[in-house]
Amino acid sequence: MDRCDSTETSHLQEPSRGAHMLRSLLQYAAMVGVLLGLVLIFSLMSNNFLSMTTLTSIANSIPDLTVIAVGMTFILIIGGIDLSVGSMLAVSSALLGVLMADHGWPLSAAVPCCLLATAFCGLFNGVISVKAGIPSFIVTLGMLEIARGVAYLMTDSQTKYIGSSVEWIGTPIQGMFLSPSFIIAIIVVVTGQFILSRTLFGRYCIAIGTNAEAVRMSGIRSAPYSIAVFVISGVMCGLAGIMQTSRLSTADPNAAVGLELAAIAACVIGGTSLMGGRGSVINTFFGVLIIAVLQSGLAQIGASDPTKRVITGSVIIIAVLLDAVRQRWGRNR
């Protein structure tokens, strides 16, 4: 009887797995289709868009947003939000500038300090939000101000020029059009997707975002996983700060103002639910690419900054509406 039950159960589960895989493939195809559509439209509107120069510029301008969006994906999946990612990036950049430009530290020693500093910020966000039961929106809004203030204090509100000792990270490798930053960002995306879809940690994150109470009732302590997600986001911000500093050759305490909105937008465009429980790191990366292509294309056709903001905001709202329709359709099936 047990054997029959298990066989029957496995038969019931297989179609579900197949349906999930098909749904994922359709989502990937849709994202690729949108991306290719944008490339085609801007190629027709601008003679210079479809060129190696443009593609190189886009590829090497997105690593910092990419790694931050990976961390944001995990936070949104557990039902949280992190508004402090831009300010934590600024802390990482400021600390890198102070250690290397003012104190002469080598890059190999300064990088771990930057990652530890932002990991601590993420830990603070996670502990206060999870243990004290305060909404992550409020906690990270406070951290947004704290971290930005720390960045200003560390640098005396001055830009720190670092130069060639760090800029090689953001410079395309000779004979290639990709920088080490872009390659690292791709590794982060692949690793993040693997963790989310193939590990117990990823499954628990999805379960927490879907129904935290059910997770608690099943005997699983959700707090460590939720706190760990905020720490991961902090580390991603530290890495992003190093990437942005390498691209600009300077550490700027004003860096990444508003970047949290771009990261959330990339996640939403990629289909990550703002209500938690659903998301894909790969699709988030496609969301980053869509934003980058959209902004680059609009700049090349001469769109003003207000126009770019209107169009980008409209794309985000459309993505949220499509997500809401998809969820409603799924519940009514």
C-alpha atoms as a PDB file:
ATOM      1  CA  MET A   1       0.000   0.000   0.000  1.00  0.00           C
ATOM      2  CA  ASP A   2       2.832   2.350   0.877  1.00  0.00           C
ATOM      3  CA  ARG A   3       4.520   1.544  -2.413  1.00  0.00           C
ATOM      4  CA  CYS A   4       1.334   2.325  -4.319  1.00  0.00           C
ATOM      5  CA  ASP A   5       0.899   5.573  -2.427  1.00  0.00           C
ATOM      6  CA  SER A   6       4.465   6.671  -3.123  1.00  0.00           C
ATOM      7  CA  THR A   7       4.169   5.742  -6.784  1.00  0.00           C
ATOM      8  CA  GLU A   8       0.915   7.639  -7.065  1.00  0.00           C
ATOM      9  CA  THR A   9       2.438  10.632  -5.303  1.00  0.00           C
ATOM     10  CA  SER A  10       5.433  10.658  -7.617  1.00  0.00           C
ATOM     11  CA  HIS A  11       3.110  10.585 -10.633  1.00  0.00           C
ATOM     12  CA  LEU A  12       1.208  13.541  -9.211  1.00  0.00           C
ATOM     13  CA  GLN A  13       4.411  15.495  -8.551  1.00  0.00           C
ATOM     14  CA  GLU A  14       5.982  14.989 -11.970  1.00  0.00           C
ATOM     15  CA  PRO A  15       3.480  17.099 -13.915  1.00  0.00           C
ATOM     16  CA  SER A  16       3.924  19.807 -11.300  1.00  0.00           C
ATOM     17  CA  ARG A  17       7.696  19.783 -11.841  1.00  0.00           C
ATOM     18  CA  GLY A  18       7.197  19.774 -15.584  1.00  0.00           C
ATOM     19  CA  ALA A  19       4.743  22.664 -15.387  1.00  0.00           C
ATOM     20  CA  HIS A  20       7.150  24.646 -13.199  1.00  0.00           C
ATOM     21  CA  MET A  21      10.011  24.055 -15.649  1.00  0.00           C
ATOM     22  CA  LEU A  22       7.822  25.065 -18.587  1.00  0.00           C
ATOM     23  CA  ARG A  23       6.713  28.202 -16.769  1.00  0.00           C
ATOM     24  CA  SER A  24      10.362  29.116 -16.050  1.00  0.00           C
ATOM     25  CA  LEU A  25      11.348  28.587 -19.680  1.00  0.00           C
ATOM     26  CA  LEU A  26       8.444  30.758 -20.843  1.00  0.00           C
ATOM     27  CA  GLN A  27       9.520  33.515 -18.420  1.00  0.00           C
ATOM     28  CA  TYR A  28      13.097  33.360 -19.708  1.00  0.00           C
ATOM     29  CA  ALA A  29      11.841  33.467 -23.290  1.00  0.00           C
ATOM     30  CA  ALA A  30       9.629  36.468 -22.518  1.00  0.00           C
ATOM     31  CA  MET A  31      12.532  38.369 -20.940  1.00  0.00           C
ATOM     32  CA  VAL A  32      14.828  37.598 -23.875  1.00  0.00           C
ATOM     33  CA  GLY A  33      12.069  38.662 -26.257  1.00  0.00           C
ATOM     34  CA  VAL A  34      11.618  42.020 -24.527  1.00  0.00           C
ATOM     35  CA  LEU A  35      15.381  42.590 -24.490  1.00  0.00           C
ATOM     36  CA  LEU A  36      15.783  41.760 -28.177  1.00  0.00           C
ATOM     37  CA  GLY A  37      12.764  43.918 -28.993  1.00  0.00           C
ATOM     38  CA  LEU A  38      14.351  46.931 -27.277  1.00  0.00           C
ATOM     39  CA  VAL A  39      17.651  46.335 -29.076  1.00  0.00           C
ATOM     40  CA  LEU A  40      15.817  46.171 -32.415  1.00  0.00           C
ATOM     41  CA  ILE A  41      13.802  49.339 -31.751  1.00  0.00           C
ATOM     42  CA  PHE A  42      16.824  51.405 -30.724  1.00  0.00           C
ATOM     43  CA  SER A  43      18.912  49.975 -33.570  1.00  0.00           C
ATOM     44  CA  LEU A  44      16.309  51.289 -36.008  1.00  0.00           C
ATOM     45  CA  MET A  45      16.132  54.676 -34.263  1.00  0.00           C
ATOM     46  CA  SER A  46      19.892  55.182 -33.866  1.00  0.00           C
ATOM     47  CA  ASN A  47      22.666  54.229 -36.292  1.00  0.00           C
ATOM     48  CA  ASN A  48      25.212  53.914 -33.485  1.00  0.00           C
ATOM     49  CA  PHE A  49      23.253  51.796 -31.020  1.00  0.00           C
ATOM     50  CA  LEU A  50      24.037  48.337 -32.386  1.00  0.00           C
ATOM     51  CA  SER A  51      27.815  48.670 -32.123  1.00  0.00           C
ATOM     52  CA  MET A  52      30.573  47.104 -30.100  1.00  0.00           C
ATOM     53  CA  THR A  53      31.171  50.424 -28.362  1.00  0.00           C
ATOM     54  CA  THR A  54      27.584  50.602 -27.080  1.00  0.00           C
ATOM     55  CA  LEU A  55      27.495  46.941 -26.067  1.00  0.00           C
ATOM     56  CA  THR A  56      30.826  47.314 -24.251  1.00  0.00           C
ATOM     57  CA  SER A  57      29.576  50.428 -22.455  1.00  0.00           C
ATOM     58  CA  ILE A  58      26.365  48.687 -21.343  1.00  0.00           C
ATOM     59  CA  ALA A  59      28.132  45.515 -20.210  1.00  0.00           C
ATOM     60  CA  ASN A  60      30.705  47.359 -18.140  1.00  0.00           C
ATOM     61  CA  SER A  61      28.263  49.820 -16.553  1.00  0.00           C
ATOM     62  CA  ILE A  62      25.944  47.241 -14.947  1.00  0.00           C
ATOM     63  CA  PRO A  63      28.063  45.047 -12.606  1.00  0.00           C
ATOM     64  CA  ASP A  64      27.340  47.144  -9.488  1.00  0.00           C
ATOM     65  CA  LEU A  65      23.585  47.228 -10.121  1.00  0.00           C
ATOM     66  CA  THR A  66      23.626  43.523 -11.000  1.00  0.00           C
ATOM     67  CA  VAL A  67      25.147  42.310  -7.737  1.00  0.00           C
ATOM     68  CA  ILE A  68      22.955  44.644  -5.658  1.00  0.00           C
ATOM     69  CA  ALA A  69      19.871  43.379  -7.526  1.00  0.00           C
ATOM     70  CA  VAL A  70      20.875  39.778  -6.722  1.00  0.00           C
ATOM     71  CA  GLY A  71      20.851  40.585  -3.002  1.00  0.00           C
ATOM     72  CA  MET A  72      17.587  42.521  -3.395  1.00  0.00           C
ATOM     73  CA  THR A  73      15.986  39.503  -5.098  1.00  0.00           C
ATOM     74  CA  PHE A  74      16.580  37.347  -2.022  1.00  0.00           C
ATOM     75  CA  ILE A  75      15.225  40.057   0.285  1.00  0.00           C
ATOM     76  CA  LEU A  76      12.062  40.533  -1.771  1.00  0.00           C
ATOM     77  CA  ILE A  77      11.560  36.766  -1.931  1.00  0.00           C
ATOM     78  CA  ILE A  78      11.398  36.510   1.886  1.00  0.00           C
ATOM     79  CA  GLY A  79       8.872  39.359   1.883  1.00  0.00           C
ATOM     80  CA  GLY A  80      11.246  42.149   2.914  1.00  0.00           C
ATOM     81  CA  ILE A  81      12.741  45.194   1.240  1.00  0.00           C
ATOM     82  CA  ASP A  82      16.070  47.017   1.566  1.00  0.00           C
ATOM     83  CA  LEU A  83      16.119  50.761   0.916  1.00  0.00           C
ATOM     84  CA  SER A  84      19.680  51.200   2.215  1.00  0.00           C
ATOM     85  CA  VAL A  85      21.601  49.431  -0.571  1.00  0.00           C
ATOM     86  CA  GLY A  86      22.730  52.650  -2.265  1.00  0.00           C
ATOM     87  CA  SER A  87      24.017  54.099   0.993  1.00  0.00           C
ATOM     88  CA  MET A  88      25.790  50.849   1.917  1.00  0.00           C
ATOM     89  CA  LEU A  89      27.489  50.951  -1.486  1.00  0.00           C
ATOM     90  CA  ALA A  90      28.645  54.488  -0.633  1.00  0.00           C
ATOM     91  CA  VAL A  91      30.078  53.229   2.683  1.00  0.00           C
ATOM     92  CA  SER A  92      32.057  50.547   0.843  1.00  0.00           C
ATOM     93  CA  SER A  93      33.320  53.055  -1.712  1.00  0.00           C
ATOM     94  CA  ALA A  94      34.223  55.637   0.949  1.00  0.00           C
ATOM     95  CA  LEU A  95      36.056  53.077   3.092  1.00  0.00           C
ATOM     96  CA  LEU A  96      37.979  51.819   0.067  1.00  0.00           C
ATOM     97  CA  GLY A  97      39.001  55.380  -0.774  1.00  0.00           C
ATOM     98  CA  VAL A  98      40.093  56.222   2.777  1.00  0.00           C
ATOM     99  CA  LEU A  99      42.098  53.016   3.228  1.00  0.00           C
ATOM    100  CA  MET A 100      43.826  53.122  -0.157  1.00  0.00           C
ATOM    101  CA  ALA A 101      44.160  56.852  -0.893  1.00  0.00           C
ATOM    102  CA  ASP A 102      44.742  58.175   2.639  1.00  0.00           C
ATOM    103  CA  HIS A 103      46.434  55.259   4.382  1.00  0.00           C
ATOM    104  CA  GLY A 104      48.135  53.482   1.493  1.00  0.00           C
ATOM    105  CA  TRP A 105      46.532  50.086   2.030  1.00  0.00           C
ATOM    106  CA  PRO A 106      46.807  47.560  -0.809  1.00  0.00           C
ATOM    107  CA  LEU A 107      43.624  46.512  -2.582  1.00  0.00           C
ATOM    108  CA  SER A 108      43.889  42.951  -1.212  1.00  0.00           C
ATOM    109  CA  ALA A 109      43.676  44.256   2.370  1.00  0.00           C
ATOM    110  CA  ALA A 110      41.100  46.994   1.770  1.00  0.00           C
ATOM    111  CA  VAL A 111      38.525  44.806  -0.025  1.00  0.00           C
ATOM    112  CA  PRO A 112      37.821  42.457   2.951  1.00  0.00           C
ATOM    113  CA  CYS A 113      37.328  45.492   5.205  1.00  0.00           C
ATOM    114  CA  CYS A 114      34.765  46.954   2.806  1.00  0.00           C
ATOM    115  CA  LEU A 115      32.872  43.668   2.600  1.00  0.00           C
ATOM    116  CA  LEU A 116      32.898  43.254   6.388  1.00  0.00           C
ATOM    117  CA  ALA A 117      31.663  46.812   6.932  1.00  0.00           C
ATOM    118  CA  THR A 118      28.638  46.407   4.683  1.00  0.00           C
ATOM    119  CA  ALA A 119      27.995  42.873   5.961  1.00  0.00           C
ATOM    120  CA  PHE A 120      27.706  44.418   9.436  1.00  0.00           C
ATOM    121  CA  CYS A 121      25.216  46.980   8.087  1.00  0.00           C
ATOM    122  CA  GLY A 122      23.194  44.127   6.603  1.00  0.00           C
ATOM    123  CA  LEU A 123      23.390  42.212   9.884  1.00  0.00           C
ATOM    124  CA  PHE A 124      22.088  45.272  11.729  1.00  0.00           C
ATOM    125  CA  ASN A 125      19.179  45.559   9.280  1.00  0.00           C
ATOM    126  CA  GLY A 126      18.365  41.872   9.628  1.00  0.00           C
ATOM    127  CA  VAL A 127      18.580  41.614  13.407  1.00  0.00           C
ATOM    128  CA  ILE A 128      16.515  44.749  14.078  1.00  0.00           C
ATOM    129  CA  SER A 129      13.927  43.848  11.459  1.00  0.00           C
ATOM    130  CA  VAL A 130      13.572  40.156  12.351  1.00  0.00           C
ATOM    131  CA  LYS A 131      14.194  40.071  16.097  1.00  0.00           C
ATOM    132  CA  ALA A 132      12.397  43.306  16.971  1.00  0.00           C
ATOM    133  CA  GLY A 133       9.612  42.668  14.476  1.00  0.00           C
ATOM    134  CA  ILE A 134       9.994  46.103  12.872  1.00  0.00           C
ATOM    135  CA  PRO A 135       9.136  46.255   9.143  1.00  0.00           C
ATOM    136  CA  SER A 136      12.280  46.137   7.017  1.00  0.00           C
ATOM    137  CA  PHE A 137      11.021  49.198   5.136  1.00  0.00           C
ATOM    138  CA  ILE A 138      11.426  51.314   8.285  1.00  0.00           C
ATOM    139  CA  VAL A 139      14.700  49.765   9.463  1.00  0.00           C
ATOM    140  CA  THR A 140      16.439  50.084   6.101  1.00  0.00           C
ATOM    141  CA  LEU A 141      15.099  53.613   5.655  1.00  0.00           C
ATOM    142  CA  GLY A 142      16.937  54.479   8.861  1.00  0.00           C
ATOM    143  CA  MET A 143      20.068  52.668   7.650  1.00  0.00           C
ATOM    144  CA  LEU A 144      19.855  54.639   4.398  1.00  0.00           C
ATOM    145  CA  GLU A 145      20.475  57.824   6.391  1.00  0.00           C
ATOM    146  CA  ILE A 146      22.973  56.312   8.843  1.00  0.00           C
ATOM    147  CA  ALA A 147      25.177  54.749   6.160  1.00  0.00           C
ATOM    148  CA  ARG A 148      25.132  57.859   3.997  1.00  0.00           C
ATOM    149  CA  GLY A 149      26.144  59.952   6.980  1.00  0.00           C
ATOM    150  CA  VAL A 150      28.977  57.541   7.795  1.00  0.00           C
ATOM    151  CA  ALA A 151      30.220  57.790   4.195  1.00  0.00           C
ATOM    152  CA  TYR A 152      30.316  61.588   4.465  1.00  0.00           C
ATOM    153  CA  LEU A 153      32.077  61.467   7.846  1.00  0.00           C
ATOM    154  CA  MET A 154      34.736  59.008   6.659  1.00  0.00           C
ATOM    155  CA  THR A 155      35.648  61.124   3.631  1.00  0.00           C
ATOM    156  CA  ASP A 156      34.968  64.596   5.087  1.00  0.00           C
ATOM    157  CA  SER A 157      32.486  64.841   2.184  1.00  0.00           C
ATOM    158  CA  GLN A 158      35.448  64.737  -0.214  1.00  0.00           C
ATOM    159  CA  THR A 159      35.923  62.579  -3.298  1.00  0.00           C
ATOM    160  CA  LYS A 160      38.944  60.288  -2.951  1.00  0.00           C
ATOM    161  CA  TYR A 161      40.961  59.611  -6.100  1.00  0.00           C
ATOM    162  CA  ILE A 162      42.485  56.117  -6.104  1.00  0.00           C
ATOM    163  CA  GLY A 163      43.561  55.604  -9.711  1.00  0.00           C
ATOM    164  CA  SER A 164      45.119  52.638 -11.481  1.00  0.00           C
ATOM    165  CA  SER A 165      45.451  50.460  -8.382  1.00  0.00           C
ATOM    166  CA  VAL A 166      41.704  49.844  -8.499  1.00  0.00           C
ATOM    167  CA  GLU A 167      40.502  50.895 -11.961  1.00  0.00           C
ATOM    168  CA  TRP A 168      41.724  47.682 -13.616  1.00  0.00           C
ATOM    169  CA  ILE A 169      38.742  45.868 -12.058  1.00  0.00           C
ATOM    170  CA  GLY A 170      36.329  47.922 -14.138  1.00  0.00           C
ATOM    171  CA  THR A 171      38.442  48.128 -17.305  1.00  0.00           C
ATOM    172  CA  PRO A 172      37.795  45.678 -20.172  1.00  0.00           C
ATOM    173  CA  ILE A 173      40.399  42.939 -20.355  1.00  0.00           C
ATOM    174  CA  GLN A 174      42.789  43.350 -23.285  1.00  0.00           C
ATOM    175  CA  GLY A 175      41.440  41.477 -26.293  1.00  0.00           C
ATOM    176  CA  MET A 176      37.967  41.303 -24.740  1.00  0.00           C
ATOM    177  CA  PHE A 177      35.150  43.793 -24.275  1.00  0.00           C
ATOM    178  CA  LEU A 178      34.301  42.515 -20.784  1.00  0.00           C
ATOM    179  CA  SER A 179      35.801  43.785 -17.541  1.00  0.00           C
ATOM    180  CA  PRO A 180      36.680  41.668 -14.485  1.00  0.00           C
ATOM    181  CA  SER A 181      33.730  43.365 -12.735  1.00  0.00           C
ATOM    182  CA  PHE A 182      31.299  42.042 -15.336  1.00  0.00           C
ATOM    183  CA  ILE A 183      32.740  38.526 -15.107  1.00  0.00           C
ATOM    184  CA  ILE A 184      32.436  38.612 -11.297  1.00  0.00           C
ATOM    185  CA  ALA A 185      28.845  39.850 -11.617  1.00  0.00           C
ATOM    186  CA  ILE A 186      27.966  36.918 -13.902  1.00  0.00           C
ATOM    187  CA  ILE A 187      29.506  34.495 -11.393  1.00  0.00           C
ATOM    188  CA  VAL A 188      27.385  36.107  -8.642  1.00  0.00           C
ATOM    189  CA  VAL A 189      24.222  35.735 -10.777  1.00  0.00           C
ATOM    190  CA  VAL A 190      24.902  32.054 -11.538  1.00  0.00           C
ATOM    191  CA  THR A 191      25.750  31.333  -7.891  1.00  0.00           C
ATOM    192  CA  GLY A 192      22.678  33.194  -6.673  1.00  0.00           C
ATOM    193  CA  GLN A 193      20.382  31.277  -9.016  1.00  0.00           C
ATOM    194  CA  PHE A 194      21.938  27.980  -7.937  1.00  0.00           C
ATOM    195  CA  ILE A 195      21.457  28.815  -4.245  1.00  0.00           C
ATOM    196  CA  LEU A 196      17.868  29.908  -4.819  1.00  0.00           C
ATOM    197  CA  SER A 197      16.769  26.958  -6.931  1.00  0.00           C
ATOM    198  CA  ARG A 198      19.018  24.077  -5.846  1.00  0.00           C
ATOM    199  CA  THR A 199      19.729  24.437  -2.144  1.00  0.00           C
ATOM    200  CA  LEU A 200      17.783  24.057   1.094  1.00  0.00           C
ATOM    201  CA  PHE A 201      18.569  27.675   1.952  1.00  0.00           C
ATOM    202  CA  GLY A 202      16.881  28.867  -1.247  1.00  0.00           C
ATOM    203  CA  ARG A 203      13.825  26.700  -0.699  1.00  0.00           C
ATOM    204  CA  TYR A 204      13.463  27.991   2.864  1.00  0.00           C
ATOM    205  CA  CYS A 205      13.689  31.584   1.616  1.00  0.00           C
ATOM    206  CA  ILE A 206      10.838  30.948  -0.825  1.00  0.00           C
ATOM    207  CA  ALA A 207       8.826  29.202   1.879  1.00  0.00           C
ATOM    208  CA  ILE A 208       9.333  32.092   4.317  1.00  0.00           C
ATOM    209  CA  GLY A 209       8.115  34.570   1.723  1.00  0.00           C
ATOM    210  CA  THR A 210       5.153  32.382   0.803  1.00  0.00           C
ATOM    211  CA  ASN A 211       3.917  31.625   4.326  1.00  0.00           C
ATOM    212  CA  ALA A 212       6.174  32.450   7.259  1.00  0.00           C
ATOM    213  CA  GLU A 213       3.648  31.120   9.771  1.00  0.00           C
ATOM    214  CA  ALA A 214       3.532  27.716   8.066  1.00  0.00           C
ATOM    215  CA  VAL A 215       7.338  27.581   8.171  1.00  0.00           C
ATOM    216  CA  ARG A 216       7.270  28.327  11.909  1.00  0.00           C
ATOM    217  CA  MET A 217       4.582  25.718  12.545  1.00  0.00           C
ATOM    218  CA  SER A 218       6.668  23.114  10.736  1.00  0.00           C
ATOM    219  CA  GLY A 219       9.441  23.586  13.302  1.00  0.00           C
ATOM    220  CA  ILE A 220      11.859  25.559  11.132  1.00  0.00           C
ATOM    221  CA  ARG A 221      13.447  28.635  12.700  1.00  0.00           C
ATOM    222  CA  SER A 222      13.038  31.250   9.993  1.00  0.00           C
ATOM    223  CA  ALA A 223      14.923  34.065  11.776  1.00  0.00           C
ATOM    224  CA  PRO A 224      18.474  32.860  10.937  1.00  0.00           C
ATOM    225  CA  TYR A 225      17.579  32.534   7.257  1.00  0.00           C
ATOM    226  CA  SER A 226      15.960  35.964   7.104  1.00  0.00           C
ATOM    227  CA  ILE A 227      18.911  37.601   8.876  1.00  0.00           C
ATOM    228  CA  ALA A 228      21.349  35.783   6.577  1.00  0.00           C
ATOM    229  CA  VAL A 229      19.555  37.225   3.542  1.00  0.00           C
ATOM    230  CA  PHE A 230      20.121  40.777   4.819  1.00  0.00           C
ATOM    231  CA  VAL A 231      23.792  39.969   5.443  1.00  0.00           C
ATOM    232  CA  ILE A 232      24.078  38.652   1.875  1.00  0.00           C
ATOM    233  CA  SER A 233      22.564  41.897   0.614  1.00  0.00           C
ATOM    234  CA  GLY A 234      25.121  43.836   2.655  1.00  0.00           C
ATOM    235  CA  VAL A 235      28.019  41.862   1.178  1.00  0.00           C
ATOM    236  CA  MET A 236      26.620  42.462  -2.312  1.00  0.00           C
ATOM    237  CA  CYS A 237      26.575  46.198  -1.592  1.00  0.00           C
ATOM    238  CA  GLY A 238      30.201  46.052  -0.470  1.00  0.00           C
ATOM    239  CA  LEU A 239      31.162  44.287  -3.683  1.00  0.00           C
ATOM    240  CA  ALA A 240      29.135  46.767  -5.737  1.00  0.00           C
ATOM    241  CA  GLY A 241      30.941  49.667  -4.047  1.00  0.00           C
ATOM    242  CA  ILE A 242      34.298  48.238  -5.087  1.00  0.00           C
ATOM    243  CA  MET A 243      33.031  47.740  -8.642  1.00  0.00           C
ATOM    244  CA  GLN A 244      31.679  51.273  -8.957  1.00  0.00           C
ATOM    245  CA  THR A 245      34.834  52.776  -7.466  1.00  0.00           C
ATOM    246  CA  SER A 246      36.960  50.825  -9.940  1.00  0.00           C
ATOM    247  CA  ARG A 247      34.889  52.084 -12.868  1.00  0.00           C
ATOM    248  CA  LEU A 248      35.170  55.727 -11.773  1.00  0.00           C
ATOM    249  CA  SER A 249      38.716  55.446 -10.308  1.00  0.00           C
ATOM    250  CA  THR A 250      37.416  57.502  -7.377  1.00  0.00           C
ATOM    251  CA  ALA A 251      35.511  56.949  -4.143  1.00  0.00           C
ATOM    252  CA  ASP A 252      32.539  59.285  -3.935  1.00  0.00           C
ATOM    253  CA  PRO A 253      30.393  59.547  -0.761  1.00  0.00           C
ATOM    254  CA  ASN A 254      27.544  60.744  -3.008  1.00  0.00           C
ATOM    255  CA  ALA A 255      27.672  57.518  -5.027  1.00  0.00           C
ATOM    256  CA  ALA A 256      24.579  55.451  -5.806  1.00  0.00           C
ATOM    257  CA  VAL A 257      21.913  57.887  -4.625  1.00  0.00           C
ATOM    258  CA  GLY A 258      18.624  56.298  -5.711  1.00  0.00           C
ATOM    259  CA  LEU A 259      20.233  53.014  -6.763  1.00  0.00           C
ATOM    260  CA  GLU A 260      17.854  51.117  -4.481  1.00  0.00           C
ATOM    261  CA  LEU A 261      14.997  52.117  -6.803  1.00  0.00           C
ATOM    262  CA  ALA A 262      16.845  50.763  -9.854  1.00  0.00           C
ATOM    263  CA  ALA A 263      17.575  47.492  -8.016  1.00  0.00           C
ATOM    264  CA  ILE A 264      13.928  47.042  -6.997  1.00  0.00           C
ATOM    265  CA  ALA A 265      12.856  47.919 -10.544  1.00  0.00           C
ATOM    266  CA  ALA A 266      15.174  45.268 -12.012  1.00  0.00           C
ATOM    267  CA  CYS A 267      13.738  42.651  -9.656  1.00  0.00           C
ATOM    268  CA  VAL A 268      10.131  43.621 -10.440  1.00  0.00           C
ATOM    269  CA  ILE A 269      10.736  43.685 -14.187  1.00  0.00           C
ATOM    270  CA  GLY A 270      12.290  40.237 -13.776  1.00  0.00           C
ATOM    271  CA  GLY A 271       9.091  38.942 -12.171  1.00  0.00           C
ATOM    272  CA  THR A 272      10.086  38.902  -8.495  1.00  0.00           C
ATOM    273  CA  SER A 273       6.973  39.438  -6.390  1.00  0.00           C
ATOM    274  CA  LEU A 274       6.904  42.390  -4.013  1.00  0.00           C
ATOM    275  CA  MET A 275       4.684  40.242  -1.780  1.00  0.00           C
ATOM    276  CA  GLY A 276       7.392  37.590  -1.391  1.00  0.00           C
ATOM    277  CA  GLY A 277       7.569  33.910  -2.220  1.00  0.00           C
ATOM    278  CA  ARG A 278       8.552  34.149  -5.863  1.00  0.00           C
ATOM    279  CA  GLY A 279      11.582  35.322  -7.820  1.00  0.00           C
ATOM    280  CA  SER A 280      14.456  34.386 -10.094  1.00  0.00           C
ATOM    281  CA  VAL A 281      18.012  35.720 -10.031  1.00  0.00           C
ATOM    282  CA  ILE A 282      18.424  35.039 -13.759  1.00  0.00           C
ATOM    283  CA  ASN A 283      15.274  37.015 -14.547  1.00  0.00           C
ATOM    284  CA  THR A 284      16.505  39.825 -12.301  1.00  0.00           C
ATOM    285  CA  PHE A 285      19.672  39.958 -14.417  1.00  0.00           C
ATOM    286  CA  PHE A 286      17.494  40.270 -17.506  1.00  0.00           C
ATOM    287  CA  GLY A 287      15.692  43.085 -15.689  1.00  0.00           C
ATOM    288  CA  VAL A 288      19.036  44.853 -15.173  1.00  0.00           C
ATOM    289  CA  LEU A 289      19.853  44.432 -18.870  1.00  0.00           C
ATOM    290  CA  ILE A 290      16.452  45.793 -19.896  1.00  0.00           C
ATOM    291  CA  ILE A 291      16.923  48.890 -17.722  1.00  0.00           C
ATOM    292  CA  ALA A 292      20.470  49.413 -19.045  1.00  0.00           C
ATOM    293  CA  VAL A 293      19.458  48.991 -22.699  1.00  0.00           C
ATOM    294  CA  LEU A 294      16.440  51.261 -22.204  1.00  0.00           C
ATOM    295  CA  GLN A 295      18.492  54.028 -20.601  1.00  0.00           C
ATOM    296  CA  SER A 296      21.333  53.753 -23.129  1.00  0.00           C
ATOM    297  CA  GLY A 297      18.945  53.690 -26.077  1.00  0.00           C
ATOM    298  CA  LEU A 298      16.964  56.673 -24.828  1.00  0.00           C
ATOM    299  CA  ALA A 299      20.200  58.619 -24.314  1.00  0.00           C
ATOM    300  CA  GLN A 300      21.354  57.839 -27.863  1.00  0.00           C
ATOM    301  CA  ILE A 301      18.125  59.031 -29.452  1.00  0.00           C
ATOM    302  CA  GLY A 302      18.397  62.284 -27.521  1.00  0.00           C
ATOM    303  CA  ALA A 303      15.638  61.785 -24.935  1.00  0.00           C
ATOM    304  CA  SER A 304      15.770  64.283 -22.083  1.00  0.00           C
ATOM    305  CA  ASP A 305      16.316  63.115 -18.525  1.00  0.00           C
ATOM    306  CA  PRO A 306      12.676  63.779 -17.496  1.00  0.00           C
ATOM    307  CA  THR A 307      11.519  61.760 -20.518  1.00  0.00           C
ATOM    308  CA  LYS A 308      13.803  58.868 -19.559  1.00  0.00           C
ATOM    309  CA  ARG A 309      12.385  58.911 -16.042  1.00  0.00           C
ATOM    310  CA  VAL A 310       8.793  58.861 -17.327  1.00  0.00           C
ATOM    311  CA  ILE A 311       9.454  55.956 -19.688  1.00  0.00           C
ATOM    312  CA  THR A 312      11.449  53.916 -17.157  1.00  0.00           C
ATOM    313  CA  GLY A 313       8.786  54.457 -14.492  1.00  0.00           C
ATOM    314  CA  SER A 314       6.066  53.432 -16.929  1.00  0.00           C
ATOM    315  CA  VAL A 315       7.914  50.208 -17.724  1.00  0.00           C
ATOM    316  CA  ILE A 316       8.102  49.385 -14.001  1.00  0.00           C
ATOM    317  CA  ILE A 317       4.378  50.010 -13.493  1.00  0.00           C
ATOM    318  CA  ILE A 318       3.535  47.846 -16.518  1.00  0.00           C
ATOM    319  CA  ALA A 319       5.728  45.059 -15.104  1.00  0.00           C
ATOM    320  CA  VAL A 320       3.942  45.250 -11.734  1.00  0.00           C
ATOM    321  CA  LEU A 321       0.521  45.215 -13.434  1.00  0.00           C
ATOM    322  CA  LEU A 322       1.468  42.175 -15.524  1.00  0.00           C
ATOM    323  CA  ASP A 323       2.683  40.435 -12.368  1.00  0.00           C
ATOM    324  CA  ALA A 324      -0.625  41.170 -10.613  1.00  0.00           C
ATOM    325  CA  VAL A 325      -2.609  39.843 -13.590  1.00  0.00           C
ATOM    326  CA  ARG A 326      -0.462  36.708 -13.695  1.00  0.00           C
ATOM    327  CA  GLN A 327      -1.013  36.062  -9.970  1.00  0.00           C
ATOM    328  CA  ARG A 328      -4.777  36.581 -10.273  1.00  0.00           C
ATOM    329  CA  TRP A 329      -4.921  34.272 -13.280  1.00  0.00           C
ATOM    330  CA  GLY A 330      -2.952  31.641 -11.346  1.00  0.00           C
ATOM    331  CA  ARG A 331      -5.359  31.795  -8.374  1.00  0.00           C
ATOM    332  CA  ASN A 332      -8.409  31.458 -10.622  1.00  0.00           C
ATOM    333  CA  ARG A 333      -7.134  28.377 -12.415  1.00  0.00           C
END
